[in-house]
């Protein structure tokens, strides 16, 4: 009886110690957090605010990967991802972050040589830098809202790229029109390297989500999810998206 009692006391002490450790982890999350996001989101939204996240959670080590390739979160061991566009994988848990808005733009040299379109129907007389999905050989058409309905227009060109920085660089070189989230060309528009056209014909907003592979994320994923939601909400209010 005494041995059983002492064993129970020992187990209760271990349980209390484990509960205390869990409380400490929840109060001060730690460990490696792997996040995947588009490069323009990292550059213009996340990195400028990252110091405040580190100050708040100094024991979290962030690993941020960026690119236009769709990453398999479960297979590649990614804790969460920020994705733009329609949701494709129903097995992932999605948290809405807002939406981004696209603009059509071109270089001053291109517009001087080919004219400035004033209506989407005029795009048939223009050329575009075409963008195709890295994982699929699918060209993305330009898209506009007409009376609340989406209308897609194929604008042909002589150059195709599958990486967003090359897409912007090709437009700056005068190779054609592009349609891209404003976030990705904010600096070029501000400097005059690119000029927005067709501003009266908005593109449909593109939803942005934080994707999680599990409904029961770790404490470090939860605090990042709450923080990044605030970052996007404030950017949405400031019309940075």
C-alpha atoms as a PDB file:
ATOM      1  CA  UNK A   1       0.000   0.000   0.000  1.00  0.00           C
ATOM      2  CA  UNK A   2       2.782   2.424   0.886  1.00  0.00           C
ATOM      3  CA  UNK A   3       4.620   1.711  -2.370  1.00  0.00           C
ATOM      4  CA  UNK A   4       1.414   2.279  -4.370  1.00  0.00           C
ATOM      5  CA  UNK A   5       0.788   5.553  -2.525  1.00  0.00           C
ATOM      6  CA  UNK A   6       4.330   6.781  -3.175  1.00  0.00           C
ATOM      7  CA  UNK A   7       3.994   5.836  -6.846  1.00  0.00           C
ATOM      8  CA  UNK A   8       0.741   7.824  -7.107  1.00  0.00           C
ATOM      9  CA  UNK A   9       2.343  10.843  -5.443  1.00  0.00           C
ATOM     10  CA  UNK A  10       5.235  10.629  -7.908  1.00  0.00           C
ATOM     11  CA  UNK A  11       2.880  10.398 -10.896  1.00  0.00           C
ATOM     12  CA  UNK A  12       0.840  13.361  -9.677  1.00  0.00           C
ATOM     13  CA  UNK A  13       4.020  15.395  -9.276  1.00  0.00           C
ATOM     14  CA  UNK A  14       5.088  14.508 -12.822  1.00  0.00           C
ATOM     15  CA  UNK A  15       1.630  15.436 -14.127  1.00  0.00           C
ATOM     16  CA  UNK A  16       1.742  18.774 -12.330  1.00  0.00           C
ATOM     17  CA  UNK A  17       5.216  19.429 -13.759  1.00  0.00           C
ATOM     18  CA  UNK A  18       4.010  18.580 -17.284  1.00  0.00           C
ATOM     19  CA  UNK A  19       0.996  20.874 -16.924  1.00  0.00           C
ATOM     20  CA  UNK A  20       3.288  23.657 -15.758  1.00  0.00           C
ATOM     21  CA  UNK A  21       5.541  23.128 -18.766  1.00  0.00           C
ATOM     22  CA  UNK A  22       2.535  23.296 -21.096  1.00  0.00           C
ATOM     23  CA  UNK A  23       1.401  26.534 -19.465  1.00  0.00           C
ATOM     24  CA  UNK A  24       4.871  28.000 -19.972  1.00  0.00           C
ATOM     25  CA  UNK A  25       4.882  26.958 -23.643  1.00  0.00           C
ATOM     26  CA  UNK A  26       1.463  28.509 -24.173  1.00  0.00           C
ATOM     27  CA  UNK A  27       2.540  31.706 -22.420  1.00  0.00           C
ATOM     28  CA  UNK A  28       5.891  31.864 -24.231  1.00  0.00           C
ATOM     29  CA  UNK A  29       5.795  29.841 -27.470  1.00  0.00           C
ATOM     30  CA  UNK A  30       9.119  28.562 -28.723  1.00  0.00           C
ATOM     31  CA  UNK A  31      10.636  26.499 -31.498  1.00  0.00           C
ATOM     32  CA  UNK A  32      10.989  26.624 -35.275  1.00  0.00           C
ATOM     33  CA  UNK A  33       8.054  27.983 -37.289  1.00  0.00           C
ATOM     34  CA  UNK A  34       8.074  27.302 -41.035  1.00  0.00           C
ATOM     35  CA  UNK A  35       5.950  29.697 -43.085  1.00  0.00           C
ATOM     36  CA  UNK A  36       5.475  29.827 -46.862  1.00  0.00           C
ATOM     37  CA  UNK A  37       4.268  32.977 -48.628  1.00  0.00           C
ATOM     38  CA  UNK A  38       4.536  34.871 -51.892  1.00  0.00           C
ATOM     39  CA  UNK A  39       7.649  37.025 -52.165  1.00  0.00           C
ATOM     40  CA  UNK A  40       5.771  40.314 -52.571  1.00  0.00           C
ATOM     41  CA  UNK A  41       3.781  39.636 -49.399  1.00  0.00           C
ATOM     42  CA  UNK A  42       6.981  38.868 -47.516  1.00  0.00           C
ATOM     43  CA  UNK A  43       8.797  41.917 -48.881  1.00  0.00           C
ATOM     44  CA  UNK A  44       6.081  44.549 -48.569  1.00  0.00           C
ATOM     45  CA  UNK A  45       3.912  43.350 -45.667  1.00  0.00           C
ATOM     46  CA  UNK A  46       5.566  40.815 -43.400  1.00  0.00           C
ATOM     47  CA  UNK A  47       9.265  41.731 -43.231  1.00  0.00           C
ATOM     48  CA  UNK A  48       8.639  45.422 -42.392  1.00  0.00           C
ATOM     49  CA  UNK A  49       6.607  44.295 -39.351  1.00  0.00           C
ATOM     50  CA  UNK A  50       8.635  41.246 -38.354  1.00  0.00           C
ATOM     51  CA  UNK A  51      10.680  42.986 -35.644  1.00  0.00           C
ATOM     52  CA  UNK A  52       7.557  43.475 -33.538  1.00  0.00           C
ATOM     53  CA  UNK A  53       6.710  39.771 -33.811  1.00  0.00           C
ATOM     54  CA  UNK A  54      10.235  38.815 -32.728  1.00  0.00           C
ATOM     55  CA  UNK A  55      10.099  41.263 -29.842  1.00  0.00           C
ATOM     56  CA  UNK A  56       6.832  39.735 -28.686  1.00  0.00           C
ATOM     57  CA  UNK A  57       7.919  36.101 -29.223  1.00  0.00           C
ATOM     58  CA  UNK A  58      11.738  36.002 -29.050  1.00  0.00           C
ATOM     59  CA  UNK A  59      11.890  32.212 -28.630  1.00  0.00           C
ATOM     60  CA  UNK A  60      10.293  31.498 -32.014  1.00  0.00           C
ATOM     61  CA  UNK A  61      12.734  30.907 -34.872  1.00  0.00           C
ATOM     62  CA  UNK A  62      11.094  31.790 -38.187  1.00  0.00           C
ATOM     63  CA  UNK A  63      11.880  30.078 -41.482  1.00  0.00           C
ATOM     64  CA  UNK A  64      10.167  31.931 -44.352  1.00  0.00           C
ATOM     65  CA  UNK A  65      10.143  30.435 -47.839  1.00  0.00           C
ATOM     66  CA  UNK A  66       8.866  32.386 -50.826  1.00  0.00           C
ATOM     67  CA  UNK A  67       8.089  31.634 -54.433  1.00  0.00           C
ATOM     68  CA  UNK A  68       5.318  31.160 -56.956  1.00  0.00           C
ATOM     69  CA  UNK A  69       5.291  27.363 -56.561  1.00  0.00           C
ATOM     70  CA  UNK A  70       2.436  25.764 -54.615  1.00  0.00           C
ATOM     71  CA  UNK A  71       3.956  24.003 -51.622  1.00  0.00           C
ATOM     72  CA  UNK A  72       2.528  20.797 -50.140  1.00  0.00           C
ATOM     73  CA  UNK A  73       2.326  21.811 -46.476  1.00  0.00           C
ATOM     74  CA  UNK A  74       2.026  18.313 -45.034  1.00  0.00           C
ATOM     75  CA  UNK A  75       4.602  16.596 -47.239  1.00  0.00           C
ATOM     76  CA  UNK A  76       7.161  19.419 -46.938  1.00  0.00           C
ATOM     77  CA  UNK A  77       6.703  20.034 -43.214  1.00  0.00           C
ATOM     78  CA  UNK A  78       5.439  23.620 -43.497  1.00  0.00           C
ATOM     79  CA  UNK A  79       3.491  24.896 -40.479  1.00  0.00           C
ATOM     80  CA  UNK A  80       1.361  27.421 -42.374  1.00  0.00           C
ATOM     81  CA  UNK A  81       1.159  29.267 -45.676  1.00  0.00           C
ATOM     82  CA  UNK A  82      -0.237  32.566 -46.921  1.00  0.00           C
ATOM     83  CA  UNK A  83      -1.960  31.989 -50.255  1.00  0.00           C
ATOM     84  CA  UNK A  84      -3.736  34.259 -52.721  1.00  0.00           C
ATOM     85  CA  UNK A  85      -6.516  33.052 -54.976  1.00  0.00           C
ATOM     86  CA  UNK A  86      -9.271  30.454 -54.770  1.00  0.00           C
ATOM     87  CA  UNK A  87      -8.810  27.627 -52.305  1.00  0.00           C
ATOM     88  CA  UNK A  88      -7.850  24.352 -53.965  1.00  0.00           C
ATOM     89  CA  UNK A  89      -7.027  21.943 -51.126  1.00  0.00           C
ATOM     90  CA  UNK A  90     -10.113  21.278 -49.002  1.00  0.00           C
ATOM     91  CA  UNK A  91      -8.073  19.236 -46.503  1.00  0.00           C
ATOM     92  CA  UNK A  92      -6.354  22.391 -45.195  1.00  0.00           C
ATOM     93  CA  UNK A  93      -7.781  24.724 -42.571  1.00  0.00           C
ATOM     94  CA  UNK A  94      -8.229  28.231 -44.014  1.00  0.00           C
ATOM     95  CA  UNK A  95      -8.378  31.550 -42.174  1.00  0.00           C
ATOM     96  CA  UNK A  96      -9.332  34.573 -44.258  1.00  0.00           C
ATOM     97  CA  UNK A  97      -6.882  37.482 -44.188  1.00  0.00           C
ATOM     98  CA  UNK A  98      -8.566  39.841 -46.653  1.00  0.00           C
ATOM     99  CA  UNK A  99      -8.085  40.388 -50.362  1.00  0.00           C
ATOM    100  CA  UNK A 100      -5.603  41.966 -52.760  1.00  0.00           C
ATOM    101  CA  UNK A 101      -6.478  44.152 -55.730  1.00  0.00           C
ATOM    102  CA  UNK A 102      -4.865  43.979 -59.146  1.00  0.00           C
ATOM    103  CA  UNK A 103      -3.900  46.784 -61.492  1.00  0.00           C
ATOM    104  CA  UNK A 104      -3.064  46.838 -65.188  1.00  0.00           C
ATOM    105  CA  UNK A 105       0.130  48.716 -65.936  1.00  0.00           C
ATOM    106  CA  UNK A 106       2.890  49.202 -68.478  1.00  0.00           C
ATOM    107  CA  UNK A 107       6.050  51.208 -68.926  1.00  0.00           C
ATOM    108  CA  UNK A 108       5.920  54.780 -70.269  1.00  0.00           C
ATOM    109  CA  UNK A 109       7.924  53.597 -73.292  1.00  0.00           C
ATOM    110  CA  UNK A 110       5.374  50.901 -74.135  1.00  0.00           C
ATOM    111  CA  UNK A 111       2.463  53.339 -73.830  1.00  0.00           C
ATOM    112  CA  UNK A 112       4.262  55.909 -75.969  1.00  0.00           C
ATOM    113  CA  UNK A 113       4.788  53.313 -78.695  1.00  0.00           C
ATOM    114  CA  UNK A 114       1.411  51.536 -78.568  1.00  0.00           C
ATOM    115  CA  UNK A 115      -1.003  54.011 -76.994  1.00  0.00           C
ATOM    116  CA  UNK A 116      -2.894  53.914 -73.707  1.00  0.00           C
ATOM    117  CA  UNK A 117      -5.959  51.643 -73.595  1.00  0.00           C
ATOM    118  CA  UNK A 118      -9.073  53.286 -72.152  1.00  0.00           C
ATOM    119  CA  UNK A 119     -11.395  50.246 -72.278  1.00  0.00           C
ATOM    120  CA  UNK A 120     -10.706  46.507 -71.862  1.00  0.00           C
ATOM    121  CA  UNK A 121     -12.042  45.881 -75.382  1.00  0.00           C
ATOM    122  CA  UNK A 122      -9.039  47.791 -76.729  1.00  0.00           C
ATOM    123  CA  UNK A 123      -6.655  45.168 -75.318  1.00  0.00           C
ATOM    124  CA  UNK A 124      -7.036  43.112 -78.496  1.00  0.00           C
ATOM    125  CA  UNK A 125      -4.815  45.716 -80.167  1.00  0.00           C
ATOM    126  CA  UNK A 126      -2.173  45.479 -77.439  1.00  0.00           C
ATOM    127  CA  UNK A 127       0.339  42.931 -76.276  1.00  0.00           C
ATOM    128  CA  UNK A 128       0.976  41.597 -72.799  1.00  0.00           C
ATOM    129  CA  UNK A 129       3.703  39.879 -70.879  1.00  0.00           C
ATOM    130  CA  UNK A 130       1.968  36.576 -70.223  1.00  0.00           C
ATOM    131  CA  UNK A 131       2.152  34.833 -66.864  1.00  0.00           C
ATOM    132  CA  UNK A 132       1.750  31.083 -66.497  1.00  0.00           C
ATOM    133  CA  UNK A 133       1.469  28.926 -63.401  1.00  0.00           C
ATOM    134  CA  UNK A 134       4.776  27.364 -62.285  1.00  0.00           C
ATOM    135  CA  UNK A 135       3.136  23.991 -61.582  1.00  0.00           C
ATOM    136  CA  UNK A 136       0.937  23.958 -64.688  1.00  0.00           C
ATOM    137  CA  UNK A 137       1.312  25.255 -68.220  1.00  0.00           C
ATOM    138  CA  UNK A 138      -1.740  27.504 -67.846  1.00  0.00           C
ATOM    139  CA  UNK A 139      -1.724  31.121 -69.000  1.00  0.00           C
ATOM    140  CA  UNK A 140      -3.533  33.595 -66.772  1.00  0.00           C
ATOM    141  CA  UNK A 141      -5.865  35.935 -68.708  1.00  0.00           C
ATOM    142  CA  UNK A 142      -6.611  39.499 -67.666  1.00  0.00           C
ATOM    143  CA  UNK A 143      -9.835  39.736 -65.642  1.00  0.00           C
ATOM    144  CA  UNK A 144     -12.248  42.639 -65.126  1.00  0.00           C
ATOM    145  CA  UNK A 145     -15.559  43.251 -63.404  1.00  0.00           C
ATOM    146  CA  UNK A 146     -18.421  44.180 -65.744  1.00  0.00           C
ATOM    147  CA  UNK A 147     -21.633  44.938 -63.832  1.00  0.00           C
ATOM    148  CA  UNK A 148     -20.468  42.709 -61.009  1.00  0.00           C
ATOM    149  CA  UNK A 149     -19.578  39.792 -63.280  1.00  0.00           C
ATOM    150  CA  UNK A 150     -16.058  38.618 -64.088  1.00  0.00           C
ATOM    151  CA  UNK A 151     -14.966  38.843 -67.702  1.00  0.00           C
ATOM    152  CA  UNK A 152     -11.659  37.318 -68.783  1.00  0.00           C
ATOM    153  CA  UNK A 153      -9.691  38.647 -71.745  1.00  0.00           C
ATOM    154  CA  UNK A 154      -6.740  36.894 -73.357  1.00  0.00           C
ATOM    155  CA  UNK A 155      -4.074  39.428 -74.278  1.00  0.00           C
ATOM    156  CA  UNK A 156      -1.395  37.887 -76.451  1.00  0.00           C
ATOM    157  CA  UNK A 157       2.299  38.662 -76.432  1.00  0.00           C
ATOM    158  CA  UNK A 158       5.688  37.285 -77.377  1.00  0.00           C
ATOM    159  CA  UNK A 159       7.002  36.654 -73.848  1.00  0.00           C
ATOM    160  CA  UNK A 160       5.810  34.274 -71.112  1.00  0.00           C
ATOM    161  CA  UNK A 161       7.218  34.099 -67.576  1.00  0.00           C
ATOM    162  CA  UNK A 162       6.308  32.095 -64.484  1.00  0.00           C
ATOM    163  CA  UNK A 163       7.930  34.202 -61.758  1.00  0.00           C
ATOM    164  CA  UNK A 164       6.480  37.455 -60.458  1.00  0.00           C
ATOM    165  CA  UNK A 165       9.720  39.467 -60.245  1.00  0.00           C
ATOM    166  CA  UNK A 166      10.491  38.632 -63.877  1.00  0.00           C
ATOM    167  CA  UNK A 167       6.907  39.557 -64.745  1.00  0.00           C
ATOM    168  CA  UNK A 168       7.382  43.051 -63.311  1.00  0.00           C
ATOM    169  CA  UNK A 169      10.872  43.439 -64.789  1.00  0.00           C
ATOM    170  CA  UNK A 170       9.589  42.546 -68.260  1.00  0.00           C
ATOM    171  CA  UNK A 171       6.902  45.217 -68.009  1.00  0.00           C
ATOM    172  CA  UNK A 172       9.458  47.808 -66.893  1.00  0.00           C
ATOM    173  CA  UNK A 173      11.510  46.909 -69.978  1.00  0.00           C
ATOM    174  CA  UNK A 174       8.521  47.787 -72.161  1.00  0.00           C
ATOM    175  CA  UNK A 175       7.646  44.266 -73.307  1.00  0.00           C
ATOM    176  CA  UNK A 176       3.910  44.653 -72.706  1.00  0.00           C
ATOM    177  CA  UNK A 177       1.039  45.193 -70.297  1.00  0.00           C
ATOM    178  CA  UNK A 178       0.738  43.222 -67.075  1.00  0.00           C
ATOM    179  CA  UNK A 179      -2.053  42.690 -64.554  1.00  0.00           C
ATOM    180  CA  UNK A 180      -0.707  42.154 -61.062  1.00  0.00           C
ATOM    181  CA  UNK A 181      -1.612  42.877 -57.428  1.00  0.00           C
ATOM    182  CA  UNK A 182      -0.878  46.514 -56.619  1.00  0.00           C
ATOM    183  CA  UNK A 183       1.258  45.305 -53.728  1.00  0.00           C
ATOM    184  CA  UNK A 184       3.777  43.848 -56.180  1.00  0.00           C
ATOM    185  CA  UNK A 185       4.296  47.054 -58.199  1.00  0.00           C
ATOM    186  CA  UNK A 186       3.788  49.770 -55.583  1.00  0.00           C
ATOM    187  CA  UNK A 187       7.408  50.931 -55.842  1.00  0.00           C
ATOM    188  CA  UNK A 188       7.399  50.947 -59.660  1.00  0.00           C
ATOM    189  CA  UNK A 189       4.142  52.909 -59.782  1.00  0.00           C
ATOM    190  CA  UNK A 190       5.466  55.424 -57.253  1.00  0.00           C
ATOM    191  CA  UNK A 191       8.718  55.925 -59.186  1.00  0.00           C
ATOM    192  CA  UNK A 192       7.028  56.190 -62.582  1.00  0.00           C
ATOM    193  CA  UNK A 193       8.751  53.079 -63.957  1.00  0.00           C
ATOM    194  CA  UNK A 194       5.243  51.714 -64.538  1.00  0.00           C
ATOM    195  CA  UNK A 195       1.987  53.554 -65.214  1.00  0.00           C
ATOM    196  CA  UNK A 196      -1.452  52.272 -64.236  1.00  0.00           C
ATOM    197  CA  UNK A 197      -4.051  52.060 -67.017  1.00  0.00           C
ATOM    198  CA  UNK A 198      -7.723  51.042 -67.104  1.00  0.00           C
ATOM    199  CA  UNK A 199      -8.179  52.274 -63.538  1.00  0.00           C
ATOM    200  CA  UNK A 200     -11.931  52.663 -64.171  1.00  0.00           C
ATOM    201  CA  UNK A 201     -12.204  48.931 -64.889  1.00  0.00           C
ATOM    202  CA  UNK A 202     -11.324  47.096 -61.671  1.00  0.00           C
ATOM    203  CA  UNK A 203     -10.234  43.495 -61.522  1.00  0.00           C
ATOM    204  CA  UNK A 204     -12.073  41.104 -59.200  1.00  0.00           C
ATOM    205  CA  UNK A 205     -10.485  41.100 -55.729  1.00  0.00           C
ATOM    206  CA  UNK A 206      -8.273  38.112 -54.956  1.00  0.00           C
ATOM    207  CA  UNK A 207      -8.901  36.478 -51.571  1.00  0.00           C
ATOM    208  CA  UNK A 208      -5.942  35.842 -49.269  1.00  0.00           C
ATOM    209  CA  UNK A 209      -5.944  33.030 -46.700  1.00  0.00           C
ATOM    210  CA  UNK A 210      -3.677  31.625 -44.053  1.00  0.00           C
ATOM    211  CA  UNK A 211      -3.643  27.856 -44.552  1.00  0.00           C
ATOM    212  CA  UNK A 212      -2.949  25.379 -41.764  1.00  0.00           C
ATOM    213  CA  UNK A 213      -2.520  21.615 -42.086  1.00  0.00           C
ATOM    214  CA  UNK A 214      -4.282  20.960 -38.762  1.00  0.00           C
ATOM    215  CA  UNK A 215      -7.229  22.230 -36.745  1.00  0.00           C
ATOM    216  CA  UNK A 216      -5.068  21.913 -33.639  1.00  0.00           C
ATOM    217  CA  UNK A 217      -1.997  24.064 -34.346  1.00  0.00           C
ATOM    218  CA  UNK A 218       0.888  24.459 -31.941  1.00  0.00           C
ATOM    219  CA  UNK A 219       1.068  27.572 -29.716  1.00  0.00           C
ATOM    220  CA  UNK A 220       3.705  29.142 -31.987  1.00  0.00           C
ATOM    221  CA  UNK A 221       1.443  28.704 -35.026  1.00  0.00           C
ATOM    222  CA  UNK A 222      -1.538  30.160 -33.158  1.00  0.00           C
ATOM    223  CA  UNK A 223       0.288  33.318 -32.105  1.00  0.00           C
ATOM    224  CA  UNK A 224       1.665  33.805 -35.623  1.00  0.00           C
ATOM    225  CA  UNK A 225      -1.816  33.341 -37.095  1.00  0.00           C
ATOM    226  CA  UNK A 226      -3.261  35.993 -34.776  1.00  0.00           C
ATOM    227  CA  UNK A 227      -0.391  38.393 -35.477  1.00  0.00           C
ATOM    228  CA  UNK A 228      -0.481  38.005 -39.266  1.00  0.00           C
ATOM    229  CA  UNK A 229      -4.255  38.529 -39.248  1.00  0.00           C
ATOM    230  CA  UNK A 230      -3.664  41.905 -37.565  1.00  0.00           C
ATOM    231  CA  UNK A 231      -0.983  42.808 -40.132  1.00  0.00           C
ATOM    232  CA  UNK A 232      -3.335  42.140 -43.045  1.00  0.00           C
ATOM    233  CA  UNK A 233      -6.294  43.853 -41.377  1.00  0.00           C
ATOM    234  CA  UNK A 234      -4.245  47.017 -40.875  1.00  0.00           C
ATOM    235  CA  UNK A 235      -2.914  46.859 -44.449  1.00  0.00           C
ATOM    236  CA  UNK A 236      -6.481  46.470 -45.714  1.00  0.00           C
ATOM    237  CA  UNK A 237      -7.590  49.523 -43.743  1.00  0.00           C
ATOM    238  CA  UNK A 238      -4.659  51.515 -45.114  1.00  0.00           C
ATOM    239  CA  UNK A 239      -5.465  50.323 -48.663  1.00  0.00           C
ATOM    240  CA  UNK A 240      -1.972  48.886 -49.029  1.00  0.00           C
ATOM    241  CA  UNK A 241      -3.492  45.783 -50.616  1.00  0.00           C
END
